[in-house]
Amino acid sequence: MSDHARSTGPMLASPRCGAKIGSGGSCRSPALRGKRRCRMHGGAPESGAPRKNQNARKHGLFTSVAIAERKQIQALLADARKLLQEMK
């Protein structure tokens, strides 16, 4: 490495963030000093999504009512298949 003012050696040698990104690879930004993630992926104070996010959409797919309804439909379909097999 050179002693030039624009030497990028130390930055290139620093540990990388490694957070999973949308394309499936890992983030290649340098991790913050003393942290394992970069400033965009949670290394900076108060970064990331807020705790107890009240703005998150809730789809209701896994409520106890929805699960019970799906089980009931599956049981009904199983009975219908069994009846069709007996009719053949």
N, C-alpha and C. Protein backbone atom coordinates (compact mmCIF):
# COMPACT_ATOMS: atom_id res chain seq x y z
N MET A 1 0.84 -1.18 0.00
CA MET A 1 0.00 0.00 0.00
C MET A 1 0.88 1.24 0.00
N SER A 2 0.37 2.28 -0.60
CA SER A 2 1.14 3.50 -0.66
C SER A 2 0.74 4.45 0.46
N ASP A 3 1.55 5.47 0.67
CA ASP A 3 1.27 6.46 1.69
C ASP A 3 0.55 7.66 1.09
N HIS A 4 -0.02 7.48 -0.07
CA HIS A 4 -0.72 8.55 -0.75
C HIS A 4 -1.96 8.96 0.06
N ALA A 5 -2.36 10.21 -0.03
CA ALA A 5 -3.49 10.72 0.75
C ALA A 5 -4.79 10.02 0.38
N ARG A 6 -4.90 9.55 -0.86
CA ARG A 6 -6.14 8.89 -1.28
C ARG A 6 -6.02 7.37 -1.24
N SER A 7 -5.20 6.88 -0.38
CA SER A 7 -5.02 5.44 -0.27
C SER A 7 -6.32 4.80 0.25
N THR A 8 -6.86 3.88 -0.52
CA THR A 8 -8.10 3.22 -0.13
C THR A 8 -7.83 1.87 0.53
N GLY A 9 -6.59 1.55 0.75
CA GLY A 9 -6.23 0.25 1.34
C GLY A 9 -6.93 -0.03 2.66
N PRO A 10 -6.87 0.89 3.64
CA PRO A 10 -7.53 0.60 4.92
C PRO A 10 -9.04 0.38 4.79
N MET A 11 -9.69 1.15 3.91
CA MET A 11 -11.13 0.97 3.75
C MET A 11 -11.43 -0.38 3.08
N LEU A 12 -10.63 -0.73 2.10
CA LEU A 12 -10.86 -2.02 1.42
C LEU A 12 -10.58 -3.20 2.34
N ALA A 13 -9.70 -2.99 3.32
CA ALA A 13 -9.35 -4.07 4.24
C ALA A 13 -10.33 -4.17 5.41
N SER A 14 -11.21 -3.17 5.58
CA SER A 14 -12.13 -3.19 6.72
C SER A 14 -13.17 -4.28 6.55
N PRO A 15 -13.74 -4.75 7.66
CA PRO A 15 -14.77 -5.80 7.55
C PRO A 15 -16.01 -5.28 6.83
N ARG A 16 -16.67 -6.15 6.11
CA ARG A 16 -17.85 -5.80 5.33
C ARG A 16 -19.11 -6.05 6.15
N CYS A 17 -20.19 -5.41 5.74
CA CYS A 17 -21.48 -5.49 6.43
C CYS A 17 -22.03 -6.92 6.38
N GLY A 18 -22.24 -7.45 5.20
CA GLY A 18 -22.71 -8.82 5.07
C GLY A 18 -24.21 -9.01 5.20
N ALA A 19 -25.00 -7.94 5.36
CA ALA A 19 -26.45 -8.09 5.44
C ALA A 19 -26.98 -8.60 4.10
N LYS A 20 -28.02 -9.41 4.13
CA LYS A 20 -28.60 -9.94 2.90
C LYS A 20 -29.34 -8.81 2.19
N ILE A 21 -29.11 -8.67 0.88
CA ILE A 21 -29.76 -7.63 0.11
C ILE A 21 -30.80 -8.24 -0.82
N GLY A 22 -31.58 -7.40 -1.47
CA GLY A 22 -32.71 -7.86 -2.28
C GLY A 22 -32.35 -8.80 -3.39
N SER A 23 -31.18 -8.64 -3.98
CA SER A 23 -30.79 -9.50 -5.10
C SER A 23 -30.27 -10.86 -4.64
N GLY A 24 -30.23 -11.09 -3.32
CA GLY A 24 -29.81 -12.38 -2.80
C GLY A 24 -28.38 -12.42 -2.32
N GLY A 25 -27.57 -11.44 -2.72
CA GLY A 25 -26.18 -11.40 -2.28
C GLY A 25 -26.06 -10.77 -0.91
N SER A 26 -24.86 -10.32 -0.60
CA SER A 26 -24.67 -9.66 0.68
C SER A 26 -24.14 -8.25 0.46
N CYS A 27 -24.44 -7.37 1.40
CA CYS A 27 -24.03 -5.97 1.32
C CYS A 27 -22.51 -5.91 1.41
N ARG A 28 -21.92 -5.08 0.57
CA ARG A 28 -20.47 -4.98 0.54
C ARG A 28 -19.96 -3.66 1.12
N SER A 29 -20.85 -2.91 1.76
CA SER A 29 -20.43 -1.66 2.40
C SER A 29 -19.60 -1.98 3.64
N PRO A 30 -18.69 -1.08 4.01
CA PRO A 30 -17.89 -1.35 5.20
C PRO A 30 -18.75 -1.26 6.46
N ALA A 31 -18.52 -2.17 7.38
CA ALA A 31 -19.24 -2.14 8.66
C ALA A 31 -18.71 -0.99 9.50
N LEU A 32 -19.57 -0.47 10.38
CA LEU A 32 -19.15 0.62 11.26
C LEU A 32 -18.16 0.09 12.29
N ARG A 33 -17.33 0.96 12.79
CA ARG A 33 -16.32 0.57 13.78
C ARG A 33 -17.01 -0.01 15.01
N GLY A 34 -16.62 -1.20 15.38
CA GLY A 34 -17.20 -1.86 16.54
C GLY A 34 -18.53 -2.53 16.30
N LYS A 35 -19.02 -2.51 15.07
CA LYS A 35 -20.31 -3.11 14.73
C LYS A 35 -20.10 -4.15 13.63
N ARG A 36 -21.15 -4.93 13.38
CA ARG A 36 -21.07 -5.92 12.32
C ARG A 36 -21.84 -5.51 11.07
N ARG A 37 -22.56 -4.38 11.14
CA ARG A 37 -23.36 -3.92 10.01
C ARG A 37 -22.99 -2.50 9.62
N CYS A 38 -23.34 -2.13 8.38
CA CYS A 38 -23.06 -0.78 7.89
C CYS A 38 -24.12 0.18 8.42
N ARG A 39 -23.99 1.45 8.07
CA ARG A 39 -24.92 2.45 8.58
C ARG A 39 -26.32 2.27 8.03
N MET A 40 -26.44 1.65 6.84
CA MET A 40 -27.77 1.45 6.27
C MET A 40 -28.48 0.22 6.80
N HIS A 41 -27.73 -0.72 7.36
CA HIS A 41 -28.33 -1.98 7.80
C HIS A 41 -28.30 -2.18 9.31
N GLY A 42 -28.30 -1.12 10.06
CA GLY A 42 -28.48 -1.27 11.49
C GLY A 42 -27.26 -0.99 12.33
N GLY A 43 -26.17 -0.53 11.76
CA GLY A 43 -24.98 -0.26 12.56
C GLY A 43 -25.05 1.07 13.27
N ALA A 44 -25.77 2.03 12.70
CA ALA A 44 -25.87 3.36 13.28
C ALA A 44 -26.93 3.38 14.38
N PRO A 45 -26.78 4.27 15.36
CA PRO A 45 -27.80 4.35 16.41
C PRO A 45 -29.15 4.72 15.83
N GLU A 46 -30.18 4.09 16.33
CA GLU A 46 -31.56 4.32 15.92
C GLU A 46 -31.80 4.08 14.44
N SER A 47 -31.04 3.21 13.82
CA SER A 47 -31.28 2.88 12.42
C SER A 47 -32.17 1.65 12.34
N GLY A 48 -32.75 1.45 11.21
CA GLY A 48 -33.63 0.31 11.01
C GLY A 48 -35.08 0.68 11.26
N ALA A 49 -35.94 -0.30 11.24
CA ALA A 49 -37.37 -0.06 11.42
C ALA A 49 -37.68 0.28 12.87
N PRO A 50 -38.72 1.07 13.10
CA PRO A 50 -39.08 1.40 14.47
C PRO A 50 -39.61 0.19 15.22
N ARG A 51 -39.42 0.15 16.52
CA ARG A 51 -39.96 -0.93 17.35
C ARG A 51 -41.47 -0.81 17.39
N LYS A 52 -42.13 -1.96 17.44
CA LYS A 52 -43.59 -2.00 17.51
C LYS A 52 -44.20 -1.11 16.43
N ASN A 53 -43.87 -1.38 15.20
CA ASN A 53 -44.32 -0.57 14.08
C ASN A 53 -45.85 -0.59 13.99
N GLN A 54 -46.46 0.55 14.25
CA GLN A 54 -47.91 0.65 14.21
C GLN A 54 -48.43 0.84 12.79
N ASN A 55 -47.53 1.12 11.85
CA ASN A 55 -47.95 1.36 10.47
C ASN A 55 -47.93 0.10 9.61
N ALA A 56 -47.47 -0.99 10.17
CA ALA A 56 -47.37 -2.23 9.40
C ALA A 56 -48.77 -2.74 9.07
N ARG A 57 -48.94 -3.21 7.86
CA ARG A 57 -50.24 -3.75 7.47
C ARG A 57 -50.38 -5.15 8.05
N LYS A 58 -51.54 -5.45 8.53
CA LYS A 58 -51.82 -6.77 9.08
C LYS A 58 -52.84 -7.44 8.17
N HIS A 59 -52.49 -8.60 7.63
CA HIS A 59 -53.36 -9.25 6.68
C HIS A 59 -54.35 -10.21 7.31
N GLY A 60 -54.12 -10.65 8.55
CA GLY A 60 -55.07 -11.51 9.24
C GLY A 60 -55.03 -12.95 8.79
N LEU A 61 -54.01 -13.35 8.05
CA LEU A 61 -53.95 -14.71 7.52
C LEU A 61 -53.70 -15.75 8.61
N PHE A 62 -53.07 -15.34 9.71
CA PHE A 62 -52.71 -16.30 10.75
C PHE A 62 -53.44 -16.06 12.06
N THR A 63 -54.61 -15.43 12.00
CA THR A 63 -55.42 -15.29 13.20
C THR A 63 -56.03 -16.65 13.51
N SER A 64 -56.44 -16.84 14.74
CA SER A 64 -57.01 -18.14 15.12
C SER A 64 -58.30 -18.42 14.36
N VAL A 65 -59.06 -17.39 14.05
CA VAL A 65 -60.29 -17.57 13.29
C VAL A 65 -59.98 -18.05 11.87
N ALA A 66 -58.99 -17.43 11.22
CA ALA A 66 -58.63 -17.81 9.85
C ALA A 66 -58.08 -19.23 9.80
N ILE A 67 -57.27 -19.59 10.78
CA ILE A 67 -56.69 -20.95 10.81
C ILE A 67 -57.80 -21.98 11.01
N ALA A 68 -58.74 -21.70 11.93
CA ALA A 68 -59.85 -22.63 12.17
C ALA A 68 -60.72 -22.78 10.92
N GLU A 69 -60.93 -21.68 10.23
CA GLU A 69 -61.74 -21.74 9.00
C GLU A 69 -61.06 -22.59 7.94
N ARG A 70 -59.74 -22.44 7.77
CA ARG A 70 -59.02 -23.26 6.79
C ARG A 70 -59.05 -24.74 7.15
N LYS A 71 -58.93 -25.05 8.44
CA LYS A 71 -58.99 -26.45 8.86
C LYS A 71 -60.37 -27.04 8.58
N GLN A 72 -61.39 -26.25 8.80
CA GLN A 72 -62.75 -26.71 8.54
C GLN A 72 -62.96 -26.98 7.05
N ILE A 73 -62.45 -26.10 6.21
CA ILE A 73 -62.56 -26.27 4.76
C ILE A 73 -61.79 -27.50 4.31
N GLN A 74 -60.58 -27.70 4.87
CA GLN A 74 -59.79 -28.88 4.51
C GLN A 74 -60.49 -30.17 4.90
N ALA A 75 -61.12 -30.18 6.07
CA ALA A 75 -61.85 -31.37 6.52
C ALA A 75 -63.04 -31.64 5.60
N LEU A 76 -63.75 -30.58 5.20
CA LEU A 76 -64.88 -30.72 4.29
C LEU A 76 -64.44 -31.26 2.93
N LEU A 77 -63.32 -30.75 2.43
CA LEU A 77 -62.80 -31.25 1.15
C LEU A 77 -62.35 -32.71 1.26
N ALA A 78 -61.75 -33.07 2.38
CA ALA A 78 -61.32 -34.47 2.57
C ALA A 78 -62.53 -35.39 2.58
N ASP A 79 -63.62 -34.96 3.25
CA ASP A 79 -64.84 -35.77 3.26
C ASP A 79 -65.42 -35.91 1.86
N ALA A 80 -65.38 -34.85 1.08
CA ALA A 80 -65.91 -34.88 -0.29
C ALA A 80 -65.08 -35.83 -1.15
N ARG A 81 -63.75 -35.77 -0.99
CA ARG A 81 -62.90 -36.70 -1.76
C ARG A 81 -63.17 -38.15 -1.39
N LYS A 82 -63.36 -38.39 -0.11
CA LYS A 82 -63.63 -39.75 0.37
C LYS A 82 -64.96 -40.24 -0.19
N LEU A 83 -65.95 -39.39 -0.22
CA LEU A 83 -67.26 -39.75 -0.77
C LEU A 83 -67.17 -40.06 -2.27
N LEU A 84 -66.39 -39.26 -2.98
CA LEU A 84 -66.19 -39.51 -4.42
C LEU A 84 -65.49 -40.82 -4.67
N GLN A 85 -64.51 -41.17 -3.82
CA GLN A 85 -63.81 -42.44 -3.99
C GLN A 85 -64.76 -43.63 -3.75
N GLU A 86 -65.67 -43.45 -2.78
CA GLU A 86 -66.63 -44.53 -2.48
C GLU A 86 -67.64 -44.70 -3.61
N MET A 87 -67.95 -43.62 -4.32
CA MET A 87 -68.92 -43.69 -5.39
C MET A 87 -68.37 -44.36 -6.66
N LYS A 88 -67.07 -44.40 -6.82
CA LYS A 88 -66.48 -45.01 -8.04
C LYS A 88 -66.64 -46.48 -8.08
